[in-house]
C-alpha atoms as a PDB file:
ATOM      1  CA  UNK A   1      21.697 -25.475   5.589  1.00  0.00           C
ATOM      2  CA  UNK A   2      21.825 -24.519   9.300  1.00  0.00           C
ATOM      3  CA  UNK A   3      19.947 -21.424  10.018  1.00  0.00           C
ATOM      4  CA  UNK A   4      18.160 -20.187  13.217  1.00  0.00           C
ATOM      5  CA  UNK A   5      14.364 -19.286  13.346  1.00  0.00           C
ATOM      6  CA  UNK A   6      14.884 -15.735  13.825  1.00  0.00           C
ATOM      7  CA  UNK A   7      17.238 -13.022  15.383  1.00  0.00           C
ATOM      8  CA  UNK A   8      16.924  -9.833  17.219  1.00  0.00           C
ATOM      9  CA  UNK A   9      16.559  -6.274  15.370  1.00  0.00           C
ATOM     10  CA  UNK A  10      18.504  -3.321  16.420  1.00  0.00           C
ATOM     11  CA  UNK A  11      21.197  -1.359  14.678  1.00  0.00           C
ATOM     12  CA  UNK A  12      23.117  -4.356  13.138  1.00  0.00           C
ATOM     13  CA  UNK A  13      21.007  -6.415  10.511  1.00  0.00           C
ATOM     14  CA  UNK A  14      21.210  -9.514  12.955  1.00  0.00           C
ATOM     15  CA  UNK A  15      21.606  -9.133  16.327  1.00  0.00           C
ATOM     16  CA  UNK A  16      21.022 -11.206  19.617  1.00  0.00           C
ATOM     17  CA  UNK A  17      18.730 -13.182  20.527  1.00  0.00           C
ATOM     18  CA  UNK A  18      19.321 -15.951  17.935  1.00  0.00           C
ATOM     19  CA  UNK A  19      16.222 -17.853  18.294  1.00  0.00           C
ATOM     20  CA  UNK A  20      16.249 -21.559  17.654  1.00  0.00           C
ATOM     21  CA  UNK A  21      15.909 -24.783  19.110  1.00  0.00           C
ATOM     22  CA  UNK A  22      19.013 -24.388  21.330  1.00  0.00           C
ATOM     23  CA  UNK A  23      18.384 -21.077  22.110  1.00  0.00           C
ATOM     24  CA  UNK A  24      18.831 -19.951  25.819  1.00  0.00           C
ATOM     25  CA  UNK A  25      17.791 -16.376  25.487  1.00  0.00           C
ATOM     26  CA  UNK A  26      14.703 -15.348  27.289  1.00  0.00           C
ATOM     27  CA  UNK A  27      12.255 -13.031  25.134  1.00  0.00           C
ATOM     28  CA  UNK A  28      11.273  -9.904  26.997  1.00  0.00           C
ATOM     29  CA  UNK A  29       8.530  -7.292  26.567  1.00  0.00           C
ATOM     30  CA  UNK A  30       9.966  -4.423  24.103  1.00  0.00           C
ATOM     31  CA  UNK A  31      12.074  -6.781  22.228  1.00  0.00           C
ATOM     32  CA  UNK A  32      11.881  -6.604  18.520  1.00  0.00           C
ATOM     33  CA  UNK A  33      13.027  -9.693  16.729  1.00  0.00           C
ATOM     34  CA  UNK A  34      12.366 -11.791  13.370  1.00  0.00           C
ATOM     35  CA  UNK A  35      10.731 -15.193  12.842  1.00  0.00           C
ATOM     36  CA  UNK A  36      11.825 -16.423   9.347  1.00  0.00           C
ATOM     37  CA  UNK A  37      11.389 -20.067   9.135  1.00  0.00           C
ATOM     38  CA  UNK A  38      13.030 -21.539   5.772  1.00  0.00           C
ATOM     39  CA  UNK A  39      13.400 -24.645   3.630  1.00  0.00           C
ATOM     40  CA  UNK A  40      16.115 -25.511   1.623  1.00  0.00           C
ATOM     41  CA  UNK A  41      16.344 -28.576  -1.168  1.00  0.00           C
ATOM     42  CA  UNK A  42      19.745 -30.032  -1.844  1.00  0.00           C
ATOM     43  CA  UNK A  43      20.321 -29.220  -5.925  1.00  0.00           C
ATOM     44  CA  UNK A  44      17.862 -26.584  -5.919  1.00  0.00           C
ATOM     45  CA  UNK A  45      18.182 -23.439  -3.349  1.00  0.00           C
ATOM     46  CA  UNK A  46      15.746 -22.344  -0.746  1.00  0.00           C
ATOM     47  CA  UNK A  47      13.409 -20.084   0.365  1.00  0.00           C
ATOM     48  CA  UNK A  48      12.870 -17.922   3.619  1.00  0.00           C
ATOM     49  CA  UNK A  49       9.914 -15.709   4.820  1.00  0.00           C
ATOM     50  CA  UNK A  50      10.566 -13.182   7.526  1.00  0.00           C
ATOM     51  CA  UNK A  51       8.171 -11.501   9.800  1.00  0.00           C
ATOM     52  CA  UNK A  52       9.372  -8.769  12.163  1.00  0.00           C
ATOM     53  CA  UNK A  53       7.616  -8.855  15.416  1.00  0.00           C
ATOM     54  CA  UNK A  54       7.737  -7.461  18.918  1.00  0.00           C
ATOM     55  CA  UNK A  55       7.127  -8.851  22.193  1.00  0.00           C
ATOM     56  CA  UNK A  56       4.098  -7.135  24.089  1.00  0.00           C
ATOM     57  CA  UNK A  57       2.489  -8.319  27.427  1.00  0.00           C
ATOM     58  CA  UNK A  58       4.017 -11.652  26.975  1.00  0.00           C
ATOM     59  CA  UNK A  59       2.847 -12.287  23.490  1.00  0.00           C
ATOM     60  CA  UNK A  60       4.386 -11.401  20.106  1.00  0.00           C
ATOM     61  CA  UNK A  61       2.453  -9.026  17.545  1.00  0.00           C
ATOM     62  CA  UNK A  62       3.410  -8.832  14.045  1.00  0.00           C
ATOM     63  CA  UNK A  63       4.520  -5.506  12.839  1.00  0.00           C
ATOM     64  CA  UNK A  64       5.920  -6.229   9.274  1.00  0.00           C
ATOM     65  CA  UNK A  65       3.361  -5.767   6.614  1.00  0.00           C
ATOM     66  CA  UNK A  66       4.063  -8.136   4.040  1.00  0.00           C
ATOM     67  CA  UNK A  67       0.772  -9.966   2.646  1.00  0.00           C
ATOM     68  CA  UNK A  68       0.469 -13.829   3.050  1.00  0.00           C
ATOM     69  CA  UNK A  69      -0.894 -15.580   0.031  1.00  0.00           C
END
């Protein structure tokens, strides 16, 4: 179950940067991307929860509105 931690958002559903432990991409202000950690269990399946964020002044700001319960 190899997946990245997140990806860029643009005209295509999945764009660069591809975020993960081996990513060499640099995040810059104005970039919109997702953070979507997941867990997968063999024989059961998995789940991913995705937030869309924007980089502003060197920090990320969550712009998706999904409630966290």
